């Protein structure tokens, strides 16, 4: 709607709201790394507005690189079935991710290595999220869409369009919410325990 103060304030508040939900998860690896991912994402939402224009994209990539690494650890599969799902999602995501990188590299300049590394991390996050069921699949796919839109509108001039924020921010916010929902709704281990669930017992 063109209200920059409102949109900027809302963007800064998104991750803290989700963190309040993630904080209620049982203590353990998943909660710790999910909170770390949301914190790094919050920094990515916030810090670029306080740095010079030339540093905005490097700061954004840096913060969300950390966020992706944290999500990868938080979402890492713990059962054979989860690993199979993650590997299938990884295989399905290779071609779209390669296509995206091929679009961005010609104009990425000095940021080309960072683009490649980030694309690999994003693909890994998407594949790990897919092992957490429908919510994880939705969160991973929307995260890929949101970050892909950021990439192409940043590095590919012909892909820039006036309503890019309207497409980027809802997919990003919903993606993060679905990832938190995926880890929040995962069945808890029974009192006798089950293989691979010990990482969530804190």
Protein backbone atom coordinates (compact mmCIF):
# COMPACT_ATOMS: atom_id res chain seq x y z
CA UNK A 1 0.00 0.00 0.00
CA UNK A 2 3.08 2.24 -0.10
CA UNK A 3 3.36 2.86 3.65
CA UNK A 4 7.07 2.33 4.28
CA UNK A 5 6.99 3.02 8.06
CA UNK A 6 4.23 0.43 8.54
CA UNK A 7 5.90 -2.19 6.35
CA UNK A 8 9.32 -1.63 7.95
CA UNK A 9 7.89 -1.95 11.46
CA UNK A 10 5.93 -5.07 10.55
CA UNK A 11 9.00 -6.67 8.99
CA UNK A 12 11.09 -6.10 12.11
CA UNK A 13 8.37 -7.61 14.33
CA UNK A 14 7.78 -10.78 12.29
CA UNK A 15 10.58 -12.95 13.69
CA UNK A 16 10.17 -11.92 17.36
CA UNK A 17 6.50 -12.97 17.17
CA UNK A 18 7.48 -16.36 15.76
CA UNK A 19 10.26 -16.68 18.34
CA UNK A 20 7.67 -16.38 21.12
CA UNK A 21 5.96 -19.43 19.63
CA UNK A 22 9.21 -21.35 19.14
CA UNK A 23 10.22 -20.58 22.73
CA UNK A 24 7.35 -22.79 23.93
CA UNK A 25 8.85 -25.86 22.27
CA UNK A 26 10.38 -28.50 24.54
CA UNK A 27 13.98 -27.74 25.34
CA UNK A 28 16.48 -29.43 23.10
CA UNK A 29 18.43 -29.17 19.87
CA UNK A 30 15.45 -28.37 17.67
CA UNK A 31 14.22 -25.46 19.79
CA UNK A 32 17.71 -24.00 20.28
CA UNK A 33 18.58 -24.01 16.59
CA UNK A 34 15.12 -22.84 15.50
CA UNK A 35 15.45 -19.85 17.82
CA UNK A 36 18.93 -19.20 16.45
CA UNK A 37 17.55 -19.32 12.90
CA UNK A 38 14.79 -16.86 13.76
CA UNK A 39 17.31 -14.55 15.44
CA UNK A 40 19.58 -14.55 12.40
CA UNK A 41 16.55 -13.96 10.18
CA UNK A 42 15.53 -11.02 12.37
CA UNK A 43 19.00 -9.55 11.93
CA UNK A 44 18.62 -9.99 8.17
CA UNK A 45 15.28 -8.17 8.31
CA UNK A 46 16.68 -5.35 10.43
CA UNK A 47 20.37 -4.63 9.83
CA UNK A 48 20.28 -3.79 6.08
CA UNK A 49 18.26 -0.65 6.75
CA UNK A 50 21.11 0.72 8.91
CA UNK A 51 24.03 0.18 6.52
CA UNK A 52 25.10 2.01 3.34
CA UNK A 53 23.32 0.99 0.16
CA UNK A 54 26.34 -0.86 -1.24
CA UNK A 55 26.49 -3.09 1.84
CA UNK A 56 22.80 -3.98 2.08
CA UNK A 57 22.93 -7.11 -0.09
CA UNK A 58 26.15 -8.52 1.48
CA UNK A 59 24.69 -7.99 4.97
CA UNK A 60 21.40 -9.58 3.92
CA UNK A 61 23.15 -12.60 2.42
CA UNK A 62 25.40 -12.95 5.48
CA UNK A 63 22.56 -12.92 7.99
CA UNK A 64 20.40 -15.34 6.05
CA UNK A 65 23.35 -17.63 5.41
CA UNK A 66 23.59 -18.03 9.17
CA UNK A 67 19.81 -18.48 9.34
CA UNK A 68 19.89 -21.24 6.72
CA UNK A 69 22.71 -23.03 8.56
CA UNK A 70 20.70 -22.90 11.79
CA UNK A 71 17.55 -24.19 10.09
CA UNK A 72 19.53 -27.04 8.54
CA UNK A 73 20.71 -28.16 11.99
CA UNK A 74 17.25 -27.68 13.54
CA UNK A 75 15.51 -29.64 10.78
CA UNK A 76 18.10 -32.37 10.28
CA UNK A 77 16.32 -35.73 9.83
CA UNK A 78 16.62 -38.26 12.64
CA UNK A 79 14.92 -41.32 11.14
CA UNK A 80 15.49 -43.35 7.99
CA UNK A 81 12.09 -42.34 6.62
CA UNK A 82 12.86 -38.67 7.14
CA UNK A 83 16.20 -39.07 5.36
CA UNK A 84 14.48 -40.65 2.37
CA UNK A 85 12.03 -37.75 2.13
CA UNK A 86 14.84 -35.21 2.44
CA UNK A 87 16.92 -36.89 -0.25
CA UNK A 88 13.94 -37.01 -2.62
CA UNK A 89 13.29 -33.29 -2.07
CA UNK A 90 16.98 -32.58 -2.64
CA UNK A 91 16.92 -34.41 -5.97
CA UNK A 92 13.77 -32.57 -7.08
CA UNK A 93 15.21 -29.19 -6.14
CA UNK A 94 18.56 -29.45 -7.92
CA UNK A 95 17.41 -28.36 -11.39
CA UNK A 96 15.30 -25.34 -10.27
CA UNK A 97 18.14 -24.18 -8.03
CA UNK A 98 20.72 -24.57 -10.79
CA UNK A 99 18.48 -22.60 -13.14
CA UNK A 100 18.15 -19.82 -10.56
CA UNK A 101 21.92 -19.62 -10.04
CA UNK A 102 22.48 -19.51 -13.81
CA UNK A 103 20.20 -16.46 -14.00
CA UNK A 104 21.99 -14.59 -11.24
CA UNK A 105 25.68 -15.36 -11.81
CA UNK A 106 26.25 -13.24 -14.95
CA UNK A 107 25.44 -10.03 -13.05
CA UNK A 108 26.38 -11.05 -9.49
CA UNK A 109 29.97 -9.84 -9.83
CA UNK A 110 32.00 -10.21 -6.65
CA UNK A 111 28.98 -11.74 -4.93
CA UNK A 112 28.91 -14.73 -7.30
CA UNK A 113 30.56 -17.14 -4.81
CA UNK A 114 28.14 -16.02 -2.10
CA UNK A 115 25.20 -16.62 -4.44
CA UNK A 116 26.36 -20.18 -5.14
CA UNK A 117 26.97 -20.98 -1.47
CA UNK A 118 23.65 -19.49 -0.41
CA UNK A 119 21.78 -21.40 -3.13
CA UNK A 120 23.30 -24.67 -1.88
CA UNK A 121 22.35 -23.87 1.71
CA UNK A 122 18.82 -22.88 0.69
CA UNK A 123 18.38 -26.11 -1.23
CA UNK A 124 19.62 -28.07 1.78
CA UNK A 125 17.19 -26.25 4.06
CA UNK A 126 14.31 -27.00 1.69
CA UNK A 127 15.22 -30.68 1.53
CA UNK A 128 15.60 -31.01 5.31
CA UNK A 129 12.30 -29.19 5.87
CA UNK A 130 10.56 -31.66 3.55
CA UNK A 131 11.35 -34.45 6.01
CA UNK A 132 9.03 -32.80 8.56
CA UNK A 133 5.81 -33.49 6.67
CA UNK A 134 3.38 -31.27 4.82
CA UNK A 135 4.06 -28.18 6.92
CA UNK A 136 7.78 -28.55 6.39
CA UNK A 137 7.32 -29.03 2.64
CA UNK A 138 5.19 -25.89 2.45
CA UNK A 139 7.65 -23.88 4.51
CA UNK A 140 10.63 -25.02 2.48
CA UNK A 141 9.01 -24.37 -0.90
CA UNK A 142 7.79 -20.91 0.10
CA UNK A 143 11.22 -20.06 1.53
CA UNK A 144 12.78 -21.07 -1.80
CA UNK A 145 10.25 -18.94 -3.71
CA UNK A 146 10.79 -15.89 -1.51
CA UNK A 147 14.58 -16.03 -1.65
CA UNK A 148 14.49 -16.77 -5.38
CA UNK A 149 12.41 -13.64 -5.96
CA UNK A 150 14.91 -11.62 -3.94
CA UNK A 151 17.78 -13.05 -5.98
CA UNK A 152 16.33 -12.47 -9.43
CA UNK A 153 14.98 -8.99 -8.64
CA UNK A 154 18.41 -8.06 -7.24
CA UNK A 155 20.69 -9.54 -9.90
CA UNK A 156 18.52 -9.81 -13.03
CA UNK A 157 17.30 -6.36 -14.15
CA UNK A 158 14.64 -7.70 -16.52
CA UNK A 159 12.99 -9.56 -13.61
CA UNK A 160 12.47 -6.45 -11.47
CA UNK A 161 8.87 -5.46 -10.95
CA UNK A 162 7.07 -2.90 -8.82
CA UNK A 163 5.13 -5.33 -6.64
CA UNK A 164 8.07 -7.58 -5.78
CA UNK A 165 7.79 -6.80 -2.05
CA UNK A 166 4.15 -7.84 -2.15
CA UNK A 167 5.26 -11.24 -3.41
CA UNK A 168 8.43 -11.61 -1.33
CA UNK A 169 7.30 -10.70 2.16
CA UNK A 170 4.14 -12.86 2.44
CA UNK A 171 5.94 -15.94 1.11
CA UNK A 172 8.84 -15.29 3.49
CA UNK A 173 6.62 -14.74 6.54
CA UNK A 174 4.43 -17.76 5.83
CA UNK A 175 7.50 -19.92 5.13
CA UNK A 176 9.04 -19.11 8.50
CA UNK A 177 5.70 -19.66 10.25
CA UNK A 178 5.27 -23.06 8.58
CA UNK A 179 8.76 -24.15 9.60
CA UNK A 180 8.03 -23.23 13.21
CA UNK A 181 4.66 -25.00 12.97
CA UNK A 182 6.36 -28.09 11.54
CA UNK A 183 8.72 -28.46 14.48
CA UNK A 184 5.99 -27.49 16.95
CA UNK A 185 3.57 -30.18 15.77
CA UNK A 186 6.04 -33.03 15.43
CA UNK A 187 5.01 -35.96 17.66
CA UNK A 188 7.00 -36.03 20.88
CA UNK A 189 8.98 -39.10 21.88
CA UNK A 190 7.22 -41.53 24.20
CA UNK A 191 8.42 -42.21 27.71
CA UNK A 192 10.35 -45.22 26.44
CA UNK A 193 11.90 -43.16 23.68
CA UNK A 194 12.32 -43.97 20.01
CA UNK A 195 15.34 -44.09 17.75
CA UNK A 196 16.42 -40.71 16.46
CA UNK A 197 14.22 -38.65 18.80
CA UNK A 198 16.80 -38.07 21.49
CA UNK A 199 17.79 -34.75 19.93
CA UNK A 200 14.49 -33.25 21.07
CA UNK A 201 14.84 -34.31 24.69
CA UNK A 202 16.43 -31.59 26.72
